[in-house]
Amino acid sequence: MEVRVNLTQHFKDKWEERKTFMESQIVEYVVNPDLVLDDPDFPNRKWHLKRVGERCLKVVVEQEGNKLILITAYFDRTLRRKGLCG
């Protein structure tokens, strides 16, 4: 049986808002983070952390020369609970 998925307009609107936020702010946050930590699982990666309101944005970055490669970005609740971003 095939599962069908319908996206509401509210979901689409919020998705666009978040994409716009991420695209417009991510470079600034990566270049000027509040804190940089080593990634414990990947020695060639760093976590660039930025407090955004009451949340902690974690951007996982690899550096190649003078270029930063963004692997992923998400709001990490565990960092706030650990007191690293908040």
Protein backbone atom coordinates (compact mmCIF):
# COMPACT_ATOMS: atom_id res chain seq x y z
CA MET A 1 0.00 0.00 0.00
CA GLU A 2 1.40 3.39 -1.01
CA VAL A 3 1.47 6.11 1.62
CA ARG A 4 0.56 9.57 0.45
CA VAL A 5 1.80 12.70 2.17
CA ASN A 6 0.14 16.08 1.92
CA LEU A 7 1.87 19.24 3.11
CA THR A 8 -0.29 22.00 4.53
CA GLN A 9 0.20 25.59 3.47
CA HIS A 10 1.24 26.36 7.05
CA PHE A 11 4.01 23.76 6.82
CA LYS A 12 5.17 25.16 3.46
CA ASP A 13 5.16 28.74 4.78
CA LYS A 14 7.16 27.82 7.90
CA TRP A 15 9.59 25.76 5.83
CA GLU A 16 10.23 28.75 3.56
CA GLU A 17 10.71 31.04 6.59
CA ARG A 18 13.27 28.69 8.06
CA LYS A 19 15.11 28.26 4.77
CA THR A 20 15.24 32.02 4.31
CA PHE A 21 16.50 32.51 7.86
CA MET A 22 19.17 29.86 7.44
CA GLU A 23 20.36 31.14 4.09
CA SER A 24 20.45 34.78 5.17
CA GLN A 25 22.12 34.26 8.56
CA ILE A 26 24.18 31.08 8.32
CA VAL A 27 27.33 32.64 6.87
CA GLU A 28 27.39 35.33 9.55
CA TYR A 29 26.89 32.74 12.29
CA VAL A 30 29.63 30.47 10.95
CA VAL A 31 32.16 33.27 10.57
CA ASN A 32 31.30 34.83 13.96
CA PRO A 33 30.24 31.98 16.27
CA ASP A 34 29.80 32.37 20.00
CA LEU A 35 31.80 29.19 20.62
CA VAL A 36 33.76 26.65 18.56
CA LEU A 37 34.18 23.06 19.75
CA ASP A 38 35.90 20.04 18.26
CA ASP A 39 33.56 17.36 16.92
CA PRO A 40 34.24 14.30 19.12
CA ASP A 41 33.34 11.86 16.32
CA PHE A 42 35.14 13.50 13.38
CA PRO A 43 38.56 15.06 14.10
CA ASN A 44 38.47 17.11 10.90
CA ARG A 45 35.19 18.83 11.86
CA LYS A 46 34.29 21.66 14.22
CA TRP A 47 31.04 22.75 15.79
CA HIS A 48 30.36 26.45 15.35
CA LEU A 49 27.77 27.39 17.97
CA LYS A 50 25.62 30.49 17.95
CA ARG A 51 22.95 31.48 20.42
CA VAL A 52 19.83 32.51 18.53
CA GLY A 53 17.21 33.78 20.92
CA GLU A 54 16.74 31.05 23.51
CA ARG A 55 18.11 28.33 21.23
CA CYS A 56 21.56 27.08 20.26
CA LEU A 57 22.35 26.73 16.57
CA LYS A 58 25.03 24.15 15.84
CA VAL A 59 26.73 24.31 12.46
CA VAL A 60 29.05 21.41 11.69
CA VAL A 61 31.96 22.65 9.59
CA GLU A 62 35.01 21.21 7.85
CA GLN A 63 37.86 23.50 6.87
CA GLU A 64 39.76 23.11 3.60
CA GLY A 65 42.45 25.77 3.46
CA ASN A 66 40.67 29.10 3.75
CA LYS A 67 37.31 27.56 2.81
CA LEU A 68 34.67 26.41 5.30
CA ILE A 69 32.42 23.57 4.17
CA LEU A 70 29.08 23.49 5.98
CA ILE A 71 28.02 19.91 6.66
CA THR A 72 24.80 20.50 8.57
CA ALA A 73 23.05 23.03 10.79
CA TYR A 74 20.38 22.51 13.41
CA PHE A 75 19.15 23.75 16.76
CA ASP A 76 20.72 21.50 19.40
CA ARG A 77 18.76 21.27 22.66
CA THR A 78 21.39 19.18 24.42
CA LEU A 79 23.98 21.97 24.25
CA ARG A 80 21.67 24.38 26.03
CA ARG A 81 20.94 21.81 28.75
CA LYS A 82 24.70 21.34 29.20
CA GLY A 83 25.12 25.09 29.61
CA LEU A 84 27.25 25.50 26.50
CA CYS A 85 24.88 27.82 24.74
CA GLY A 86 22.57 29.75 26.94
